[in-house]
Protein backbone atom coordinates (compact mmCIF):
# COMPACT_ATOMS: atom_id res chain seq x y z
CA MET A 1 18.84 -156.15 -93.39
CA GLY A 2 15.77 -154.80 -91.64
CA ILE A 3 12.64 -153.57 -92.58
CA VAL A 4 10.99 -150.04 -92.26
CA ALA A 5 7.28 -149.27 -93.01
CA THR A 6 6.34 -145.78 -94.04
CA LEU A 7 3.40 -143.87 -94.12
CA LEU A 8 4.63 -140.83 -95.95
CA PRO A 9 2.28 -138.92 -98.26
CA GLU A 10 4.82 -136.30 -99.48
CA ASP A 11 7.36 -138.31 -101.78
CA ARG A 12 9.98 -136.10 -100.94
CA SER A 13 9.91 -137.29 -97.21
CA LEU A 14 9.62 -140.81 -98.46
CA GLN A 15 13.07 -140.54 -100.64
CA ARG A 16 14.60 -138.90 -98.01
CA VAL A 17 14.34 -141.96 -95.48
CA VAL A 18 15.03 -144.23 -98.41
CA HIS A 19 18.31 -142.70 -98.76
CA ALA A 20 18.87 -142.26 -95.31
CA VAL A 21 18.86 -145.96 -94.37
CA HIS A 22 20.03 -147.45 -97.79
CA GLY A 23 22.15 -150.43 -97.11
CA GLN A 24 20.87 -150.77 -93.67
CA HIS A 25 17.21 -151.13 -94.15
CA SER A 26 14.66 -152.20 -96.99
CA VAL A 27 11.60 -149.45 -96.86
CA ILE A 28 7.85 -150.70 -97.39
CA PRO A 29 5.90 -147.89 -98.51
CA CYS A 30 2.51 -147.88 -97.29
CA ARG A 31 -0.58 -145.52 -98.55
CA THR A 32 -2.60 -146.11 -96.10
CA TRP A 33 -2.75 -147.23 -92.17
CA ALA A 34 -4.33 -150.39 -93.64
CA GLU A 35 -1.35 -151.05 -95.39
CA VAL A 36 0.98 -150.64 -92.56
CA PHE A 37 -0.84 -153.08 -90.23
CA GLU A 38 -0.72 -155.43 -93.32
CA ALA A 39 3.31 -154.90 -93.46
CA CYS A 40 3.78 -155.11 -90.15
CA GLU A 41 1.39 -158.51 -89.81
CA ASP A 42 3.49 -160.21 -92.87
CA GLU A 43 7.06 -158.79 -92.84
CA ALA A 44 9.60 -158.37 -90.09
CA VAL A 45 8.91 -154.39 -89.60
CA HIS A 46 10.90 -153.19 -86.82
CA LEU A 47 10.61 -149.48 -87.31
CA ALA A 48 8.09 -147.55 -88.51
CA VAL A 49 8.44 -143.52 -89.97
CA LEU A 50 4.64 -142.34 -90.28
CA ASP A 51 2.90 -139.02 -91.15
CA LEU A 52 0.89 -138.50 -88.10
CA PHE A 53 -1.34 -135.96 -90.21
CA ALA A 54 -1.31 -138.80 -93.17
CA ASP A 55 -5.22 -138.48 -93.12
CA GLY A 56 -5.26 -134.74 -92.47
CA LYS A 57 -5.49 -134.80 -88.58
CA ALA A 58 -3.66 -136.50 -86.09
CA ASP A 59 -4.11 -140.13 -85.73
CA PHE A 60 -3.62 -141.28 -82.55
CA GLU A 61 -5.73 -144.33 -82.61
CA HIS A 62 -4.28 -145.93 -85.24
CA VAL A 63 -0.59 -145.35 -83.29
CA ARG A 64 -2.14 -146.91 -80.24
CA GLN A 65 -3.23 -149.90 -81.83
CA LEU A 66 0.01 -150.35 -83.69
CA LYS A 67 2.06 -150.24 -80.37
CA LEU A 68 -0.38 -152.66 -78.97
CA ARG A 69 -0.32 -155.57 -81.50
CA PHE A 70 3.64 -154.94 -82.42
CA ALA A 71 5.14 -154.08 -79.18
CA ARG A 72 8.68 -154.21 -80.35
CA ILE A 73 8.34 -151.90 -83.37
CA THR A 74 9.77 -148.54 -83.15
CA LEU A 75 8.01 -145.70 -84.64
CA VAL A 76 9.03 -142.40 -85.50
CA ALA A 77 6.81 -139.23 -86.52
CA TYR A 78 7.98 -137.38 -89.71
CA VAL A 79 5.71 -134.37 -90.33
CA SER A 80 5.67 -130.87 -91.06
CA PHE A 81 4.96 -128.28 -88.35
CA ALA A 82 2.12 -125.75 -88.28
CA PRO A 83 1.37 -123.73 -85.29
CA ASP A 84 -2.06 -125.70 -84.84
CA ARG A 85 -0.08 -128.88 -84.73
CA ALA A 86 1.96 -127.93 -81.83
CA ARG A 87 -0.20 -129.85 -79.14
CA ASP A 88 -0.49 -132.72 -81.16
CA LEU A 89 2.94 -133.31 -81.48
CA PHE A 90 3.48 -132.61 -77.77
CA ASP A 91 1.23 -135.54 -77.35
CA ALA A 92 2.75 -137.71 -79.88
CA GLY A 93 5.58 -139.39 -77.33
CA ARG A 94 2.63 -140.35 -74.71
CA ALA A 95 0.93 -141.73 -78.01
CA GLY A 96 3.95 -144.11 -78.39
CA PHE A 97 6.31 -142.38 -80.47
CA ASP A 98 10.13 -142.88 -79.83
CA GLY A 99 11.16 -140.06 -82.48
CA LEU A 100 10.34 -137.23 -84.25
CA LEU A 101 11.28 -135.54 -87.53
CA ILE A 102 10.16 -132.39 -88.98
CA VAL A 103 10.26 -131.47 -92.49
CA GLU A 104 12.72 -129.35 -93.76
CA GLN A 105 14.12 -128.52 -90.04
CA ASP A 106 15.60 -131.57 -88.98
CA ASP A 107 15.76 -133.99 -91.95
CA SER A 108 18.79 -134.02 -93.54
CA PRO A 109 20.22 -137.63 -94.40
CA ALA A 110 22.87 -137.43 -90.98
CA GLN A 111 19.81 -135.90 -88.86
CA LEU A 112 17.56 -138.72 -90.29
CA ARG A 113 19.97 -141.37 -89.13
CA GLN A 114 20.61 -140.07 -85.89
CA VAL A 115 17.12 -139.75 -85.16
CA ILE A 116 16.28 -143.18 -86.23
CA GLU A 117 19.12 -144.76 -84.55
CA GLN A 118 18.03 -142.90 -81.03
CA ALA A 119 14.48 -143.92 -81.37
CA GLU A 120 15.38 -147.41 -81.88
CA ALA A 121 17.24 -147.06 -78.60
CA ARG A 122 14.22 -145.86 -77.01
CA GLY A 123 12.41 -148.70 -78.37
CA VAL A 124 14.47 -151.39 -76.93
CA ALA A 125 14.28 -149.50 -73.39
CA GLY A 126 10.65 -150.62 -73.17
CA LEU A 127 12.28 -154.40 -72.96
CA LEU A 128 13.55 -153.06 -69.47
CA ARG A 129 11.12 -150.30 -68.32
CA HIS A 130 8.28 -152.61 -67.06
CA ARG A 131 10.98 -154.64 -64.89
CA LEU A 132 12.47 -151.76 -63.33
CA GLY A 133 8.84 -150.65 -62.01
CA THR A 134 9.52 -151.16 -58.50
CA LEU A 135 12.82 -149.77 -58.18
CA HIS A 136 13.87 -146.01 -56.44
CA PRO A 137 12.96 -143.68 -59.37
CA LEU A 138 16.83 -142.66 -59.61
CA THR A 139 17.97 -146.24 -60.17
CA ARG A 140 15.33 -146.78 -62.53
CA ASP A 141 15.85 -143.63 -64.81
CA ALA A 142 19.65 -143.83 -64.64
CA VAL A 143 19.09 -147.24 -66.33
CA LEU A 144 16.78 -146.19 -68.99
CA VAL A 145 18.92 -143.20 -69.53
CA ALA A 146 22.05 -145.36 -70.24
CA VAL A 147 20.22 -147.36 -72.93
CA THR A 148 18.21 -144.07 -74.67
CA ARG A 149 20.99 -141.87 -74.79
CA ALA A 150 23.57 -145.17 -75.55
CA HIS A 151 24.95 -142.84 -79.04
CA LEU A 152 26.01 -139.91 -77.09
CA ARG A 153 29.75 -140.01 -75.44
CA LEU A 154 28.01 -140.32 -71.96
CA THR A 155 29.93 -139.85 -68.63
CA SER A 156 29.38 -140.68 -64.95
CA HIS A 157 29.14 -136.95 -64.53
CA ARG A 158 26.73 -136.12 -67.65
CA LEU A 159 24.70 -138.85 -66.52
CA ALA A 160 24.22 -137.42 -62.96
CA ASP A 161 23.36 -134.27 -64.75
CA ILE A 162 20.72 -135.53 -67.21
CA LEU A 163 19.12 -136.83 -63.88
CA ALA A 164 19.45 -133.65 -62.24
CA THR A 165 21.51 -135.26 -59.51
CA SER A 166 25.29 -135.04 -58.15
CA ARG A 167 27.56 -137.70 -59.22
CA ARG A 168 28.03 -138.92 -55.46
CA GLN A 169 24.06 -139.37 -54.99
CA LEU A 170 24.10 -141.50 -58.35
CA VAL A 171 26.78 -143.72 -57.01
CA ALA A 172 25.20 -144.15 -53.53
CA ARG A 173 21.73 -144.95 -54.79
CA LEU A 174 22.86 -147.58 -57.19
CA GLU A 175 24.99 -149.24 -54.81
CA LYS A 176 22.10 -149.33 -52.48
CA ASP A 177 19.79 -150.84 -54.92
CA GLY A 178 22.53 -153.30 -55.90
CA PHE A 179 23.51 -151.65 -59.19
CA PRO A 180 26.73 -151.20 -60.88
CA PRO A 181 28.42 -147.83 -60.59
CA PRO A 182 27.70 -145.42 -63.26
CA GLN A 183 30.29 -146.00 -65.84
CA LYS A 184 29.64 -149.67 -65.76
CA LEU A 185 26.03 -148.82 -66.11
CA ILE A 186 26.88 -146.39 -69.03
CA SER A 187 28.37 -149.41 -70.62
CA TRP A 188 25.48 -152.03 -70.22
CA GLY A 189 23.35 -149.81 -71.74
CA ARG A 190 25.51 -149.66 -74.93
CA LEU A 191 25.44 -153.18 -75.12
CA VAL A 192 21.78 -152.97 -75.17
CA VAL A 193 21.66 -151.18 -77.80
CA ALA A 194 24.68 -152.71 -79.63
CA ALA A 195 22.62 -156.39 -79.01
CA GLN A 196 19.53 -155.03 -80.81
CA MET A 197 21.45 -153.65 -83.65
CA LEU A 198 22.87 -156.88 -84.09
CA GLU A 199 19.35 -158.25 -84.44
CA ASP A 200 20.04 -157.09 -87.75
CA ARG A 201 22.09 -159.65 -89.55
CA ASN A 202 23.37 -157.25 -92.09
CA ARG A 203 25.06 -154.93 -89.67
CA SER A 204 28.68 -155.93 -88.68
CA ALA A 205 30.37 -155.70 -85.40
CA ASP A 206 32.68 -152.99 -86.59
CA GLY A 207 29.70 -150.84 -87.86
CA ILE A 208 28.16 -151.07 -84.30
CA ALA A 209 31.25 -150.47 -82.90
CA ARG A 210 31.49 -146.94 -84.71
CA ALA A 211 27.99 -145.84 -84.06
CA LEU A 212 28.15 -146.46 -80.53
CA ASP A 213 31.57 -144.57 -80.53
CA PHE A 214 33.48 -147.61 -79.16
CA PRO A 215 37.29 -146.87 -79.64
CA SER A 216 37.17 -149.99 -82.08
CA GLY A 217 35.86 -153.05 -83.30
CA SER A 218 38.19 -154.78 -81.00
CA ALA A 219 37.31 -153.02 -77.79
CA PHE A 220 33.63 -153.56 -78.68
CA ARG A 221 34.03 -157.35 -78.79
CA ASN A 222 36.45 -157.13 -75.37
CA THR A 223 33.39 -155.56 -74.06
CA CYS A 224 31.07 -158.08 -75.24
CA GLN A 225 33.31 -160.92 -73.68
CA ARG A 226 33.85 -158.92 -70.15
CA TYR A 227 30.05 -158.32 -69.48
CA LEU A 228 28.62 -161.09 -71.44
CA GLY A 229 31.31 -163.79 -72.09
CA SER A 230 30.06 -163.77 -75.59
CA THR A 231 31.16 -162.52 -79.03
CA PRO A 232 28.70 -160.55 -80.87
CA HIS A 233 27.89 -163.29 -83.07
CA GLU A 234 27.07 -165.22 -80.36
CA ILE A 235 25.02 -162.60 -78.80
CA ARG A 236 22.96 -162.12 -82.04
CA GLU A 237 22.38 -166.02 -81.89
CA LYS A 238 21.08 -166.09 -78.11
CA GLY A 239 18.42 -163.47 -78.76
CA GLY A 240 20.02 -160.18 -79.20
CA ALA A 241 18.48 -157.37 -76.90
CA THR A 242 16.38 -159.71 -75.13
CA PHE A 243 19.82 -161.65 -73.93
CA VAL A 244 21.53 -158.85 -72.86
CA VAL A 245 18.57 -157.43 -71.05
CA ASP A 246 17.97 -160.58 -69.24
CA THR A 247 21.96 -161.11 -68.53
CA PHE A 248 21.76 -157.49 -66.89
CA LEU A 249 18.90 -158.33 -65.05
CA VAL A 250 20.15 -161.30 -63.40
CA ALA A 251 23.61 -159.36 -62.72
CA VAL A 252 21.62 -157.17 -60.59
CA GLY A 253 19.24 -159.86 -58.89
CA ARG A 254 16.24 -158.65 -60.69
CA THR A 255 14.89 -162.02 -62.15
CA GLY A 256 11.28 -161.75 -61.64
């Protein structure tokens, strides 16, 4: 079971998070930034849901320190919106947040779960981002979108639309850089996110298959075997997302 640290002064927000992740994650409520750092030091915290304005004003310095010290942690901002906070919320993404929730606007249990899962996908994309730096921007962005949008029903055409190009141009660029065609790239993206989810031993292969919209648990297992030569259990034991990312980069000739 994964561990979530929270810094949410409003009890209602805390209870919504607890309810949304019940059965998948345990929650460590923190009252101060110091307690957040302590929780991350002492426990295997993989996700933090934070009120950026917990001390009254936006605290980007603590966010940056958190990201520097715990690079793999996924951060979700959960805040009340006010017009004078608009610029701070715009800056939240650059400060290191992977997801954003607005109190009373998009924080139903289903929305909370969706944002948290998508934020986790963006977080794991960090394993790839720094190793794709020298690639053509279109290829690099295609890989990252395949990971960060793994929860969506991506198609080759939809991926091209997101990247503001045509499918033909995308196929040509990927081929030139030695990467698989769009549909296979989408499958790799889903496998990266699936592997991250497998790192949580409380998650089953069938549950992950449903979350990532595989046709069935069997289809998910078959994809694991076809691309990785491993079962979901073996992927977990080999290192989860790190194993899949390394395997993918070897497959495309980027091992440096």
